[in-house]
Amino acid sequence: MKLFFCIKIAPRTRLLHKDKEKFMSKYSMIMSWSEEDQAYIVSVPELPGCMAEGKTPEEAVKNAEIIIQEWIETALEDGEEIPKPHLFSMSV
């Protein structure tokens, strides 16, 4: 089962169309393993509802990059604000 989510919920900071490419690859990604789906799950904290999965970590990240692009393009088409990338840190 492929898992791709792209749900927008009230983003905060305005990102201009010209800045889209600049920020595309700068969003944080959080990866986890799903026993239920037997897949790696990637979520993008700055883009609410933006998630993807893959059988390998590399595939999950690649799928997440596609979903990030689609999330941003949809928001721009709808005239919505897009959150700017933030640096998230987690202690392990």
N, C-alpha and C. Protein backbone atom coordinates (compact mmCIF):
# COMPACT_ATOMS: atom_id res chain seq x y z
N MET A 1 0.84 -1.17 0.00
CA MET A 1 0.00 0.00 0.00
C MET A 1 0.89 1.24 0.00
N LYS A 2 0.69 2.13 -0.95
CA LYS A 2 1.43 3.40 -1.00
C LYS A 2 0.69 4.43 -0.16
N LEU A 3 1.43 5.19 0.60
CA LEU A 3 0.86 6.20 1.48
C LEU A 3 1.38 7.56 1.06
N PHE A 4 0.53 8.40 0.54
CA PHE A 4 0.90 9.76 0.16
C PHE A 4 -0.19 10.69 0.67
N PHE A 5 0.19 11.61 1.52
CA PHE A 5 -0.77 12.57 2.03
C PHE A 5 -0.31 13.97 1.66
N CYS A 6 -1.24 14.81 1.39
CA CYS A 6 -0.93 16.21 1.12
C CYS A 6 -2.16 17.01 1.53
N ILE A 7 -2.24 17.32 2.81
CA ILE A 7 -3.39 18.04 3.35
C ILE A 7 -2.89 19.36 3.90
N LYS A 8 -3.44 20.47 3.46
CA LYS A 8 -3.01 21.78 3.93
C LYS A 8 -3.92 22.26 5.06
N ILE A 9 -3.29 22.78 6.13
CA ILE A 9 -4.05 23.32 7.25
C ILE A 9 -3.43 24.66 7.64
N ALA A 10 -4.08 25.74 7.36
CA ALA A 10 -3.71 27.10 7.75
C ALA A 10 -2.22 27.37 7.91
N PRO A 11 -1.43 27.38 6.83
CA PRO A 11 -0.02 27.74 6.94
C PRO A 11 0.16 29.17 7.44
N ARG A 12 1.38 29.49 7.89
CA ARG A 12 1.61 30.75 8.58
C ARG A 12 2.32 31.83 7.76
N THR A 13 3.54 31.59 7.32
CA THR A 13 4.38 32.62 6.73
C THR A 13 4.31 32.59 5.21
N ARG A 14 4.21 33.74 4.59
CA ARG A 14 4.06 33.82 3.14
C ARG A 14 5.36 33.48 2.42
N LEU A 15 5.28 32.58 1.49
CA LEU A 15 6.41 32.22 0.63
C LEU A 15 6.00 32.61 -0.79
N LEU A 16 6.79 33.43 -1.42
CA LEU A 16 6.45 33.90 -2.76
C LEU A 16 6.74 32.84 -3.79
N HIS A 17 6.05 32.89 -4.92
CA HIS A 17 6.20 31.91 -6.00
C HIS A 17 7.65 31.81 -6.44
N LYS A 18 8.35 32.92 -6.53
CA LYS A 18 9.74 32.92 -6.99
C LYS A 18 10.66 32.20 -6.00
N ASP A 19 10.23 32.07 -4.74
CA ASP A 19 11.04 31.42 -3.72
C ASP A 19 10.81 29.91 -3.66
N LYS A 20 9.87 29.39 -4.43
CA LYS A 20 9.49 27.98 -4.35
C LYS A 20 10.69 27.06 -4.50
N GLU A 21 11.45 27.22 -5.55
CA GLU A 21 12.59 26.34 -5.81
C GLU A 21 13.66 26.49 -4.72
N LYS A 22 13.83 27.68 -4.23
CA LYS A 22 14.84 27.96 -3.22
C LYS A 22 14.59 27.16 -1.94
N PHE A 23 13.32 27.00 -1.57
CA PHE A 23 12.99 26.35 -0.32
C PHE A 23 12.62 24.88 -0.46
N MET A 24 12.40 24.41 -1.68
CA MET A 24 11.92 23.05 -1.90
C MET A 24 12.68 22.00 -1.11
N SER A 25 14.00 22.05 -1.15
CA SER A 25 14.78 20.99 -0.54
C SER A 25 15.23 21.32 0.88
N LYS A 26 14.69 22.38 1.46
CA LYS A 26 15.14 22.80 2.78
C LYS A 26 14.17 22.45 3.90
N TYR A 27 13.09 21.77 3.59
CA TYR A 27 12.13 21.40 4.63
C TYR A 27 12.65 20.21 5.42
N SER A 28 12.38 20.21 6.70
CA SER A 28 12.77 19.09 7.56
C SER A 28 11.91 17.89 7.26
N MET A 29 12.50 16.71 7.40
CA MET A 29 11.76 15.46 7.23
C MET A 29 12.00 14.60 8.45
N ILE A 30 10.94 14.01 8.96
CA ILE A 30 11.05 13.08 10.09
C ILE A 30 10.68 11.70 9.56
N MET A 31 11.60 10.74 9.74
CA MET A 31 11.37 9.40 9.22
C MET A 31 11.16 8.42 10.37
N SER A 32 10.21 7.51 10.17
CA SER A 32 9.99 6.44 11.13
C SER A 32 9.62 5.17 10.39
N TRP A 33 9.71 4.05 11.08
CA TRP A 33 9.37 2.75 10.49
C TRP A 33 7.98 2.37 10.95
N SER A 34 7.14 1.92 10.02
CA SER A 34 5.79 1.45 10.33
C SER A 34 5.76 -0.07 10.20
N GLU A 35 5.62 -0.75 11.34
CA GLU A 35 5.48 -2.21 11.32
C GLU A 35 4.22 -2.61 10.56
N GLU A 36 3.16 -1.85 10.78
CA GLU A 36 1.87 -2.15 10.15
C GLU A 36 1.97 -2.12 8.63
N ASP A 37 2.61 -1.09 8.10
CA ASP A 37 2.72 -0.93 6.64
C ASP A 37 3.99 -1.57 6.08
N GLN A 38 4.91 -1.96 6.98
CA GLN A 38 6.21 -2.48 6.55
C GLN A 38 6.87 -1.50 5.58
N ALA A 39 6.91 -0.24 6.01
CA ALA A 39 7.46 0.82 5.17
C ALA A 39 8.01 1.94 6.04
N TYR A 40 8.91 2.72 5.45
CA TYR A 40 9.42 3.93 6.10
C TYR A 40 8.42 5.06 5.83
N ILE A 41 8.09 5.81 6.86
CA ILE A 41 7.15 6.92 6.75
C ILE A 41 7.92 8.22 6.97
N VAL A 42 7.74 9.17 6.08
CA VAL A 42 8.37 10.49 6.20
C VAL A 42 7.27 11.53 6.35
N SER A 43 7.40 12.36 7.37
CA SER A 43 6.49 13.49 7.53
C SER A 43 7.29 14.78 7.46
N VAL A 44 6.63 15.85 7.04
CA VAL A 44 7.27 17.17 6.88
C VAL A 44 6.57 18.11 7.85
N PRO A 45 7.19 18.39 9.02
CA PRO A 45 6.52 19.15 10.06
C PRO A 45 6.04 20.54 9.65
N GLU A 46 6.78 21.21 8.78
CA GLU A 46 6.39 22.58 8.38
C GLU A 46 5.16 22.60 7.47
N LEU A 47 4.87 21.49 6.82
CA LEU A 47 3.75 21.43 5.87
C LEU A 47 2.72 20.45 6.43
N PRO A 48 1.77 20.93 7.18
CA PRO A 48 0.80 20.06 7.85
C PRO A 48 0.14 19.06 6.89
N GLY A 49 0.15 17.80 7.31
CA GLY A 49 -0.47 16.75 6.52
C GLY A 49 0.39 16.21 5.41
N CYS A 50 1.59 16.71 5.24
CA CYS A 50 2.47 16.29 4.15
C CYS A 50 3.28 15.08 4.60
N MET A 51 2.95 13.90 4.03
CA MET A 51 3.60 12.65 4.40
C MET A 51 3.77 11.76 3.17
N ALA A 52 4.75 10.86 3.24
CA ALA A 52 4.96 9.89 2.17
C ALA A 52 5.59 8.65 2.78
N GLU A 53 5.61 7.57 2.01
CA GLU A 53 6.23 6.34 2.49
C GLU A 53 7.09 5.73 1.40
N GLY A 54 7.90 4.77 1.79
CA GLY A 54 8.72 4.03 0.84
C GLY A 54 9.24 2.76 1.46
N LYS A 55 9.61 1.80 0.63
CA LYS A 55 10.14 0.52 1.12
C LYS A 55 11.54 0.68 1.68
N THR A 56 12.28 1.70 1.20
CA THR A 56 13.61 2.00 1.71
C THR A 56 13.61 3.46 2.19
N PRO A 57 14.58 3.83 3.03
CA PRO A 57 14.66 5.24 3.44
C PRO A 57 14.81 6.18 2.24
N GLU A 58 15.61 5.75 1.25
CA GLU A 58 15.82 6.60 0.06
C GLU A 58 14.53 6.80 -0.71
N GLU A 59 13.75 5.73 -0.87
CA GLU A 59 12.48 5.83 -1.58
C GLU A 59 11.49 6.72 -0.83
N ALA A 60 11.48 6.62 0.49
CA ALA A 60 10.58 7.45 1.30
C ALA A 60 10.92 8.93 1.15
N VAL A 61 12.22 9.26 1.16
CA VAL A 61 12.64 10.66 1.00
C VAL A 61 12.30 11.15 -0.41
N LYS A 62 12.57 10.32 -1.42
CA LYS A 62 12.25 10.70 -2.80
C LYS A 62 10.76 10.98 -2.95
N ASN A 63 9.92 10.11 -2.38
CA ASN A 63 8.47 10.32 -2.45
C ASN A 63 8.05 11.57 -1.68
N ALA A 64 8.71 11.83 -0.54
CA ALA A 64 8.40 13.03 0.23
C ALA A 64 8.75 14.29 -0.55
N GLU A 65 9.86 14.28 -1.28
CA GLU A 65 10.23 15.44 -2.09
C GLU A 65 9.17 15.73 -3.15
N ILE A 66 8.59 14.69 -3.72
CA ILE A 66 7.51 14.87 -4.71
C ILE A 66 6.29 15.48 -4.03
N ILE A 67 5.95 14.98 -2.85
CA ILE A 67 4.77 15.47 -2.14
C ILE A 67 4.97 16.91 -1.67
N ILE A 68 6.20 17.26 -1.25
CA ILE A 68 6.49 18.65 -0.88
C ILE A 68 6.23 19.56 -2.07
N GLN A 69 6.71 19.18 -3.24
CA GLN A 69 6.51 19.99 -4.44
C GLN A 69 5.02 20.15 -4.74
N GLU A 70 4.28 19.06 -4.65
CA GLU A 70 2.84 19.12 -4.92
C GLU A 70 2.12 19.96 -3.87
N TRP A 71 2.53 19.85 -2.61
CA TRP A 71 1.93 20.65 -1.53
C TRP A 71 2.11 22.13 -1.83
N ILE A 72 3.35 22.53 -2.18
CA ILE A 72 3.65 23.93 -2.45
C ILE A 72 2.91 24.41 -3.69
N GLU A 73 2.93 23.62 -4.76
CA GLU A 73 2.24 24.03 -5.99
C GLU A 73 0.74 24.21 -5.77
N THR A 74 0.14 23.30 -5.02
CA THR A 74 -1.30 23.41 -4.73
C THR A 74 -1.59 24.66 -3.91
N ALA A 75 -0.77 24.93 -2.91
CA ALA A 75 -0.96 26.11 -2.08
C ALA A 75 -0.82 27.39 -2.91
N LEU A 76 0.18 27.43 -3.79
CA LEU A 76 0.36 28.61 -4.64
C LEU A 76 -0.83 28.80 -5.57
N GLU A 77 -1.33 27.71 -6.16
CA GLU A 77 -2.50 27.80 -7.04
C GLU A 77 -3.72 28.31 -6.28
N ASP A 78 -3.84 27.92 -5.02
CA ASP A 78 -4.98 28.33 -4.20
C ASP A 78 -4.77 29.69 -3.55
N GLY A 79 -3.60 30.29 -3.77
CA GLY A 79 -3.31 31.61 -3.20
C GLY A 79 -3.08 31.56 -1.70
N GLU A 80 -2.69 30.41 -1.18
CA GLU A 80 -2.47 30.26 0.26
C GLU A 80 -1.02 30.55 0.62
N GLU A 81 -0.82 30.84 1.89
CA GLU A 81 0.52 31.08 2.39
C GLU A 81 1.23 29.75 2.60
N ILE A 82 2.53 29.78 2.43
CA ILE A 82 3.34 28.58 2.58
C ILE A 82 4.35 28.81 3.70
N PRO A 83 4.42 27.90 4.67
CA PRO A 83 5.41 28.07 5.74
C PRO A 83 6.82 28.01 5.20
N LYS A 84 7.69 28.87 5.72
CA LYS A 84 9.09 28.80 5.35
C LYS A 84 9.73 27.65 6.12
N PRO A 85 10.79 27.07 5.58
CA PRO A 85 11.48 25.97 6.27
C PRO A 85 12.05 26.44 7.62
N HIS A 86 12.03 25.53 8.59
CA HIS A 86 12.60 25.77 9.91
C HIS A 86 13.59 24.66 10.21
N LEU A 87 14.51 24.93 11.11
CA LEU A 87 15.43 23.90 11.56
C LEU A 87 14.85 23.26 12.81
N PHE A 88 14.57 21.96 12.73
CA PHE A 88 14.08 21.23 13.87
C PHE A 88 15.23 20.38 14.40
N SER A 89 15.32 20.28 15.70
CA SER A 89 16.33 19.40 16.28
C SER A 89 15.66 18.52 17.32
N MET A 90 16.14 17.29 17.39
CA MET A 90 15.60 16.33 18.33
C MET A 90 16.75 15.66 19.05
N SER A 91 16.59 15.44 20.33
CA SER A 91 17.62 14.69 21.05
C SER A 91 17.28 13.21 20.98
N VAL A 92 18.29 12.39 20.82
CA VAL A 92 18.07 10.95 20.72
C VAL A 92 18.74 10.23 21.87
